[in-house]
């Protein structure tokens, strides 16, 4: 283990091959292994989650038992508790995700309000921003599927495509502003 910063890996007991750099990085880690946390309070709540990578202040800060997560950016996956196999890159990407799994978010505030939904992919500023429990949707392009909350099986490719869709399902939009008011 490597710990640099006040209280980094402070409660570690048998966890091995961990790296904590920053104030309280991996502080609560007890038995978890193969985690990397760089940033203020990064992965601070983690106790038994393995194979996580957090880079940025508050990245994966609430994650306790979630494993195989990657968070890059300030507040990325900040609220994640037990969600596993998520990837978030960008300021507040997947911020409110708690138990959702297999989500991928690239871009500032992409999938920011996702809480329990799984198997979503968002790439672009505010893509799938308001999604909370909608699942198996793909949004590529800034503001695509921006208002989806519970919709599912939607695919949006292009700036603001399927922008106003909230609960609709099984839609495909390709191109800028396509099915914007759906």
Protein backbone atom coordinates (compact mmCIF):
# COMPACT_ATOMS: atom_id res chain seq x y z
CA UNK A 1 0.00 0.00 0.00
CA UNK A 2 0.98 3.60 -0.61
CA UNK A 3 -0.57 6.47 1.36
CA UNK A 4 0.29 10.15 0.88
CA UNK A 5 -1.77 12.86 2.57
CA UNK A 6 -3.45 13.36 5.92
CA UNK A 7 -5.47 10.26 6.94
CA UNK A 8 -5.01 8.56 3.57
CA UNK A 9 -5.74 4.82 4.04
CA UNK A 10 -6.21 5.71 7.72
CA UNK A 11 -8.30 2.65 8.73
CA UNK A 12 -6.73 0.05 6.44
CA UNK A 13 -6.32 -3.33 8.15
CA UNK A 14 -5.70 -6.15 5.66
CA UNK A 15 -6.34 -4.42 2.34
CA UNK A 16 -3.39 -4.67 -0.01
CA UNK A 17 -2.09 -3.13 -3.24
CA UNK A 18 -3.94 0.17 -2.63
CA UNK A 19 -2.78 3.68 -3.46
CA UNK A 20 -4.27 6.69 -1.66
CA UNK A 21 -2.98 10.16 -2.46
CA UNK A 22 -4.74 13.18 -0.95
CA UNK A 23 -6.45 14.19 2.28
CA UNK A 24 -8.60 11.23 3.46
CA UNK A 25 -8.17 9.31 0.20
CA UNK A 26 -9.34 5.72 0.87
CA UNK A 27 -9.65 6.66 4.55
CA UNK A 28 -12.24 4.01 5.55
CA UNK A 29 -10.69 1.24 3.48
CA UNK A 30 -10.36 -1.83 5.70
CA UNK A 31 -10.00 -5.05 3.69
CA UNK A 32 -10.38 -3.92 0.08
CA UNK A 33 -7.54 -4.32 -2.37
CA UNK A 34 -6.37 -3.00 -5.73
CA UNK A 35 -7.84 0.49 -5.38
CA UNK A 36 -6.33 3.78 -6.50
CA UNK A 37 -7.59 7.10 -5.15
CA UNK A 38 -6.03 10.45 -6.02
CA UNK A 39 -7.69 13.63 -4.76
CA UNK A 40 -9.27 15.17 -1.69
CA UNK A 41 -11.70 12.62 -0.10
CA UNK A 42 -11.46 10.33 -3.15
CA UNK A 43 -12.89 6.88 -2.33
CA UNK A 44 -12.93 7.93 1.33
CA UNK A 45 -15.94 5.78 2.32
CA UNK A 46 -14.73 2.62 0.61
CA UNK A 47 -14.47 -0.32 3.00
CA UNK A 48 -14.52 -3.54 0.98
CA UNK A 49 -14.93 -2.52 -2.68
CA UNK A 50 -12.08 -3.80 -4.87
CA UNK A 51 -10.51 -2.68 -8.16
CA UNK A 52 -11.75 0.94 -8.10
CA UNK A 53 -9.97 3.95 -9.55
CA UNK A 54 -10.89 7.47 -8.44
CA UNK A 55 -9.11 10.58 -9.68
CA UNK A 56 -10.41 13.98 -8.64
CA UNK A 57 -11.75 15.66 -5.52
CA UNK A 58 -14.73 13.70 -4.12
CA UNK A 59 -14.50 11.11 -6.90
CA UNK A 60 -16.31 7.95 -5.69
CA UNK A 61 -16.45 9.59 -2.26
CA UNK A 62 -19.53 7.68 -0.99
CA UNK A 63 -18.67 4.30 -2.49
CA UNK A 64 -18.47 1.70 0.27
CA UNK A 65 -18.68 -1.75 -1.32
CA UNK A 66 -18.90 -1.02 -5.04
CA UNK A 67 -16.21 -2.64 -7.17
CA UNK A 68 -14.72 -2.21 -10.64
CA UNK A 69 -15.65 1.49 -10.89
CA UNK A 70 -13.61 4.20 -12.58
CA UNK A 71 -14.22 7.87 -11.80
CA UNK A 72 -12.16 10.67 -13.31
CA UNK A 73 -13.07 14.26 -12.55
CA UNK A 74 -14.21 16.28 -9.59
CA UNK A 75 -17.38 14.75 -8.09
CA UNK A 76 -17.49 11.92 -10.64
CA UNK A 77 -19.58 9.04 -9.24
CA UNK A 78 -19.63 10.97 -5.95
CA UNK A 79 -22.82 9.37 -4.52
CA UNK A 80 -22.11 5.82 -5.65
CA UNK A 81 -22.51 3.41 -2.72
CA UNK A 82 -22.74 -0.16 -4.04
CA UNK A 83 -22.94 0.37 -7.80
CA UNK A 84 -20.37 -1.67 -9.71
CA UNK A 85 -18.63 -1.61 -13.08
CA UNK A 86 -19.38 2.05 -13.83
CA UNK A 87 -17.15 4.47 -15.70
CA UNK A 88 -17.50 8.24 -15.28
CA UNK A 89 -15.23 10.86 -16.79
CA UNK A 90 -15.96 14.56 -16.40
CA UNK A 91 -17.12 17.00 -13.76
CA UNK A 92 -20.10 15.46 -11.89
CA UNK A 93 -20.49 12.62 -14.37
CA UNK A 94 -22.81 10.00 -12.78
CA UNK A 95 -22.84 12.21 -9.65
CA UNK A 96 -26.05 10.82 -8.06
CA UNK A 97 -25.57 7.19 -9.06
CA UNK A 98 -26.01 5.03 -5.96
CA UNK A 99 -26.62 1.41 -7.00
CA UNK A 100 -26.73 1.57 -10.81
CA UNK A 101 -24.33 -0.76 -12.61
CA UNK A 102 -22.61 -0.99 -15.99
CA UNK A 103 -23.08 2.70 -16.84
CA UNK A 104 -20.66 4.78 -18.87
CA UNK A 105 -20.66 8.59 -18.77
CA UNK A 106 -18.21 10.86 -20.61
CA UNK A 107 -18.62 14.61 -20.37
CA UNK A 108 -19.46 17.18 -17.74
CA UNK A 109 -22.70 16.24 -15.96
CA UNK A 110 -23.37 13.28 -18.25
CA UNK A 111 -25.88 10.95 -16.53
CA UNK A 112 -25.61 13.28 -13.52
CA UNK A 113 -29.02 12.34 -11.99
CA UNK A 114 -28.82 8.61 -12.66
CA UNK A 115 -29.54 6.84 -9.36
CA UNK A 116 -30.35 3.14 -9.80
CA UNK A 117 -30.49 2.67 -13.58
CA UNK A 118 -28.10 0.33 -15.35
CA UNK A 119 -26.61 -0.28 -18.79
CA UNK A 120 -26.67 3.33 -20.01
CA UNK A 121 -24.07 5.10 -22.11
CA UNK A 122 -23.83 8.90 -22.29
CA UNK A 123 -21.17 10.82 -24.15
CA UNK A 124 -21.30 14.60 -24.32
CA UNK A 125 -22.12 17.56 -22.12
CA UNK A 126 -25.42 16.93 -20.25
CA UNK A 127 -26.13 13.74 -22.22
CA UNK A 128 -28.85 11.74 -20.41
CA UNK A 129 -28.63 14.38 -17.70
CA UNK A 130 -31.99 13.82 -15.97
CA UNK A 131 -32.11 10.06 -16.32
CA UNK A 132 -32.90 8.52 -12.93
CA UNK A 133 -34.15 4.97 -13.49
CA UNK A 134 -34.30 4.66 -17.28
CA UNK A 135 -32.15 1.82 -18.54
CA UNK A 136 -30.33 0.48 -21.60
CA UNK A 137 -30.20 3.83 -23.41
CA UNK A 138 -27.40 5.43 -25.41
CA UNK A 139 -26.92 9.18 -25.85
CA UNK A 140 -24.04 10.42 -27.99
CA UNK A 141 -23.83 14.19 -28.38
CA UNK A 142 -24.26 17.19 -26.12
CA UNK A 143 -27.76 17.46 -24.62
CA UNK A 144 -28.94 14.25 -26.29
CA UNK A 145 -31.72 12.51 -24.31
CA UNK A 146 -31.31 15.39 -21.86
CA UNK A 147 -34.80 15.12 -20.30
CA UNK A 148 -35.15 11.34 -20.21
CA UNK A 149 -36.07 10.24 -16.69
CA UNK A 150 -37.53 6.73 -16.90
CA UNK A 151 -37.42 5.97 -20.62
CA UNK A 152 -35.59 2.90 -21.80
CA UNK A 153 -34.08 1.29 -24.89
CA UNK A 154 -33.55 4.71 -26.51
CA UNK A 155 -30.65 5.54 -28.80
CA UNK A 156 -29.84 9.17 -29.63
CA UNK A 157 -26.90 10.19 -31.83
CA UNK A 158 -26.36 13.89 -32.44
CA UNK A 159 -26.64 17.25 -30.70
CA UNK A 160 -29.98 17.54 -28.84
CA UNK A 161 -31.37 14.36 -30.41
CA UNK A 162 -34.39 13.03 -28.46
CA UNK A 163 -33.84 16.08 -26.24
CA UNK A 164 -37.37 16.30 -24.72
CA UNK A 165 -38.04 12.57 -24.44
CA UNK A 166 -38.88 11.77 -20.80
CA UNK A 167 -40.59 8.38 -20.61
CA UNK A 168 -40.66 7.20 -24.22
CA UNK A 169 -39.03 3.92 -25.09
CA UNK A 170 -37.54 2.06 -28.07
CA UNK A 171 -36.72 5.19 -30.08
CA UNK A 172 -33.76 5.76 -32.40
CA UNK A 173 -32.71 9.27 -33.44
CA UNK A 174 -29.72 9.95 -35.68
CA UNK A 175 -28.68 13.53 -36.46
CA UNK A 176 -28.78 16.96 -34.88
CA UNK A 177 -32.15 17.80 -33.26
CA UNK A 178 -33.79 14.60 -34.53
CA UNK A 179 -36.94 13.62 -32.62
CA UNK A 180 -36.17 16.61 -30.39
CA UNK A 181 -39.77 17.04 -29.16
CA UNK A 182 -40.60 13.32 -28.95
